[in-house]
Protein backbone atom coordinates (compact mmCIF):
# COMPACT_ATOMS: atom_id res chain seq x y z
CA MET A 1 102.18 46.34 -94.56
CA SER A 2 101.53 47.06 -90.87
CA LEU A 3 100.24 50.32 -89.39
CA THR A 4 103.57 50.78 -87.61
CA GLU A 5 105.52 50.53 -90.86
CA THR A 6 103.38 53.03 -92.75
CA ALA A 7 103.13 55.67 -90.01
CA THR A 8 105.62 58.52 -89.78
CA PRO A 9 107.76 58.81 -86.60
CA LEU A 10 105.71 61.79 -85.43
CA ASP A 11 102.46 59.92 -85.89
CA THR A 12 103.85 56.95 -84.00
CA LYS A 13 105.04 59.11 -81.12
CA THR A 14 101.71 60.88 -80.83
CA ARG A 15 99.82 57.59 -80.96
CA ILE A 16 101.96 56.23 -78.12
CA LEU A 17 101.38 59.36 -76.04
CA ASN A 18 97.62 59.23 -76.61
CA ALA A 19 97.40 55.55 -75.77
CA ALA A 20 99.56 55.87 -72.66
CA GLU A 21 97.62 58.88 -71.38
CA LYS A 22 94.34 57.02 -71.80
CA LEU A 23 95.55 53.85 -70.05
CA PHE A 24 97.40 55.63 -67.26
CA GLY A 25 94.27 57.65 -66.58
CA LEU A 26 92.05 54.57 -66.52
CA ASN A 27 94.28 52.09 -64.71
CA GLY A 28 97.06 54.07 -63.03
CA PHE A 29 100.78 54.15 -63.75
CA ASP A 30 101.77 50.96 -61.93
CA ALA A 31 98.95 48.85 -63.34
CA THR A 32 99.68 49.83 -66.94
CA SER A 33 102.49 47.96 -68.70
CA LEU A 34 104.38 48.97 -71.80
CA ARG A 35 102.79 46.01 -73.57
CA ASP A 36 99.35 47.38 -72.72
CA ILE A 37 100.38 50.67 -74.29
CA THR A 38 101.82 49.10 -77.43
CA ALA A 39 98.63 47.10 -77.94
CA GLU A 40 96.46 50.21 -77.54
CA ALA A 41 98.68 52.30 -79.81
CA GLN A 42 99.17 49.48 -82.35
CA VAL A 43 102.94 49.83 -82.32
CA ASN A 44 105.75 47.50 -81.32
CA LEU A 45 107.82 47.74 -78.15
CA ALA A 46 110.83 48.94 -80.11
CA ALA A 47 108.90 52.08 -81.10
CA VAL A 48 108.23 52.94 -77.44
CA ASN A 49 111.88 52.36 -76.53
CA TYR A 50 113.03 54.44 -79.48
CA HIS A 51 110.91 57.49 -78.63
CA PHE A 52 110.89 57.37 -74.83
CA GLN A 53 113.58 54.90 -73.66
CA SER A 54 111.61 53.97 -70.52
CA LYS A 55 108.18 53.97 -68.94
CA GLU A 56 109.29 56.73 -66.56
CA SER A 57 110.30 58.96 -69.47
CA LEU A 58 106.98 58.26 -71.16
CA ILE A 59 105.05 59.36 -68.05
CA ASP A 60 107.08 62.57 -67.86
CA ALA A 61 106.48 63.26 -71.56
CA ILE A 62 102.71 62.87 -71.15
CA ILE A 63 102.61 65.28 -68.22
CA GLU A 64 104.85 67.78 -69.98
CA ARG A 65 102.70 67.65 -73.13
CA ARG A 66 99.68 68.82 -71.14
CA ILE A 67 101.31 71.32 -68.78
CA GLN A 68 103.91 73.16 -70.87
CA PRO A 69 101.48 74.86 -73.31
CA ILE A 70 99.35 75.95 -70.34
CA ASN A 71 102.30 77.47 -68.50
CA ARG A 72 103.56 79.18 -71.63
CA ARG A 73 100.15 80.82 -72.14
CA ARG A 74 100.01 81.81 -68.46
CA PHE A 75 103.28 83.71 -68.75
CA GLU A 76 102.19 85.33 -72.02
CA MET A 77 98.98 86.63 -70.43
CA LEU A 78 100.78 87.83 -67.31
CA ALA A 79 103.35 89.67 -69.42
CA ALA A 80 100.59 91.22 -71.55
CA ALA A 81 99.03 92.65 -68.38
CA GLY A 82 102.03 94.94 -67.91
CA SER A 83 104.48 95.51 -65.08
CA SER A 84 101.76 96.18 -62.48
CA PRO A 85 98.84 93.85 -63.24
CA ARG A 86 95.63 94.05 -61.25
CA VAL A 87 94.59 91.14 -59.07
CA GLU A 88 91.90 90.16 -61.58
CA GLN A 89 94.46 90.07 -64.40
CA ILE A 90 96.77 87.85 -62.35
CA VAL A 91 93.91 85.45 -61.58
CA GLU A 92 92.75 85.36 -65.19
CA ALA A 93 96.28 84.67 -66.45
CA PHE A 94 96.52 81.71 -64.10
CA LEU A 95 93.06 80.26 -64.76
CA ALA A 96 92.16 80.98 -68.37
CA PRO A 97 94.72 78.70 -70.06
CA VAL A 98 93.05 75.80 -68.25
CA VAL A 99 89.40 76.80 -67.95
CA MET A 100 89.06 78.12 -71.50
CA LEU A 101 90.68 75.10 -73.16
CA GLU A 102 89.24 71.66 -73.82
CA VAL A 103 91.09 69.66 -71.17
CA LEU A 104 88.61 66.84 -70.52
CA PRO A 105 90.88 64.13 -72.03
CA ALA A 106 93.52 64.95 -69.41
CA VAL A 107 91.19 64.85 -66.39
CA PRO A 108 91.64 61.12 -65.56
CA LEU A 109 95.42 61.46 -65.81
CA ILE A 110 95.42 64.55 -63.60
CA GLY A 111 93.31 62.69 -61.08
CA ARG A 112 95.81 59.83 -60.98
CA VAL A 113 98.71 62.20 -60.41
CA LEU A 114 96.92 64.14 -57.69
CA SER A 115 95.96 60.93 -55.89
CA ASN A 116 99.64 60.24 -55.18
CA PRO A 117 101.14 63.20 -53.24
CA ASP A 118 104.77 62.12 -53.65
CA GLN A 119 104.31 61.57 -57.35
CA PHE A 120 102.60 64.94 -57.75
CA VAL A 121 105.39 66.81 -55.95
CA GLU A 122 108.20 65.12 -57.86
CA ARG A 123 106.66 64.74 -61.33
CA VAL A 124 104.53 67.85 -61.54
CA TYR A 125 105.14 70.48 -58.87
CA LYS A 126 108.94 70.60 -58.81
CA LYS A 127 109.38 70.16 -62.57
CA HIS A 128 106.49 72.17 -63.99
CA LEU A 129 104.71 74.29 -61.39
CA LEU A 130 107.25 75.64 -58.89
CA HIS A 131 108.48 78.38 -61.23
CA VAL A 132 104.84 79.23 -62.05
CA VAL A 133 103.97 79.61 -58.36
CA GLU A 134 107.04 81.79 -57.81
CA ARG A 135 106.20 84.05 -60.76
CA PHE A 136 102.56 84.50 -59.80
CA SER A 137 103.41 84.96 -56.14
CA GLU A 138 105.75 87.78 -57.11
CA ALA A 139 103.04 89.43 -59.21
CA LEU A 140 100.51 89.03 -56.42
CA GLY A 141 102.98 90.52 -53.94
CA LYS A 142 103.15 93.69 -56.04
CA ALA A 143 99.37 93.88 -56.40
CA LEU A 144 98.71 93.11 -52.72
CA PRO A 145 101.78 94.26 -50.77
CA GLY A 146 100.04 93.74 -47.44
CA LEU A 147 100.09 89.95 -47.82
CA SER A 148 103.01 88.08 -46.30
CA PRO A 149 104.86 85.51 -48.47
CA GLU A 150 103.30 82.71 -46.41
CA GLU A 151 99.80 84.10 -46.89
CA ARG A 152 100.42 84.53 -50.61
CA PHE A 153 101.46 80.88 -50.82
CA TRP A 154 98.25 79.65 -49.20
CA ARG A 155 95.98 81.90 -51.21
CA LEU A 156 97.62 80.72 -54.42
CA GLN A 157 96.95 77.14 -53.30
CA PHE A 158 93.28 78.01 -52.73
CA MET A 159 93.13 79.57 -56.20
CA ALA A 160 94.62 76.41 -57.72
CA GLY A 161 92.17 74.34 -55.68
CA SER A 162 89.18 76.21 -57.08
CA MET A 163 90.50 75.67 -60.60
CA THR A 164 91.12 71.96 -59.96
CA HIS A 165 87.61 71.53 -58.56
CA VAL A 166 86.05 73.04 -61.68
CA LEU A 167 88.31 70.94 -63.88
CA ALA A 168 87.46 67.72 -62.05
CA LEU A 169 83.72 68.38 -62.34
CA SER A 170 83.79 69.77 -65.88
CA GLY A 171 82.05 66.70 -67.27
CA VAL A 172 79.10 66.86 -64.85
CA LEU A 173 78.68 70.59 -64.24
CA PRO A 174 76.01 70.88 -66.96
CA LEU A 175 73.99 68.15 -65.21
CA MET A 176 74.49 69.73 -61.79
CA SER A 177 73.61 73.25 -62.92
CA GLY A 178 70.79 72.19 -65.22
CA HIS A 179 72.08 73.98 -68.31
CA PRO A 180 75.15 74.09 -70.55
CA VAL A 181 78.16 75.77 -68.99
CA ASP A 182 79.21 79.05 -70.59
CA ARG A 183 82.98 79.07 -70.12
CA HIS A 184 83.23 82.84 -70.43
CA ALA A 185 80.63 83.30 -67.70
CA LEU A 186 82.35 80.63 -65.63
CA MET A 187 85.64 82.50 -65.97
CA ARG A 188 84.05 85.76 -64.82
CA ARG A 189 82.57 84.08 -61.77
CA LEU A 190 85.83 82.36 -60.89
CA VAL A 191 87.91 85.49 -61.33
CA ASN A 192 85.56 87.61 -59.22
CA PHE A 193 85.30 84.96 -56.50
CA ILE A 194 89.04 84.30 -56.26
CA ALA A 195 90.04 87.98 -56.51
CA ALA A 196 87.76 88.70 -53.55
CA GLY A 197 89.41 85.91 -51.59
CA LEU A 198 92.89 87.16 -52.44
CA ARG A 199 91.95 90.63 -51.21
CA ALA A 200 90.31 89.37 -48.01
CA PRO A 201 91.80 90.73 -44.79
CA SER A 202 94.14 88.40 -42.93
CA ALA A 203 94.00 90.06 -39.52
CA PHE A 204 92.82 86.85 -37.84
CA LEU A 205 96.27 85.38 -38.53
CA ASN A 206 97.63 87.59 -35.77
CA THR A 207 95.20 86.24 -33.18
CA THR A 208 96.08 83.72 -30.50
CA SER A 209 95.41 80.03 -31.01
CA GLU A 210 92.33 80.20 -28.78
CA GLU A 211 90.95 83.16 -30.72
CA THR A 212 91.59 81.36 -33.98
CA LYS A 213 89.66 78.32 -32.76
CA CYS A 214 86.67 80.58 -32.09
CA VAL A 215 86.67 81.76 -35.71
CA PHE A 216 86.04 78.21 -36.95
CA ARG A 217 83.50 77.10 -34.32
């Protein structure tokens, strides 16, 4: 009896997701065929069609599997901080569900998605992150009322960029730093660093273009 015949539907679906995530991360979405995935997962093509109907639906399911639990935890932490959370609490709620979890298996896939701007906007940002940005921007607006909506948008992007940088280098940070990475200490450093950036004055935004050029010379 084959592995496909003895496995439960849930086991089959999970095996397909794991295989697809691995191959998409290694080879990219376009270079990975459904037959590649079935061979890696040790299932037949009918099983993929049954659970996901198409390659596009399979890609969406893989992304959702990684992002939805993170977003759910973000909202839980933000809600637990109360109606008027401090800047540090907002930052921690955004970062901790990623930084404090073991997300290394998803790093190659995330890299593939980020390398294609159109794909990132359509598959990830609009479907899974836009409502997160809106929620956290609203919380940040209450904590830092002096920031304009535009400035809040950019500072949230910089916060996400810091998180993405740490995530992308998570496998080599111990080698770069010379010692094992303490995630709790890493979180404290990130929160303090980003909170300071969020609170930074934005007066230079009111300067003329010539004055702004001087700031970056």
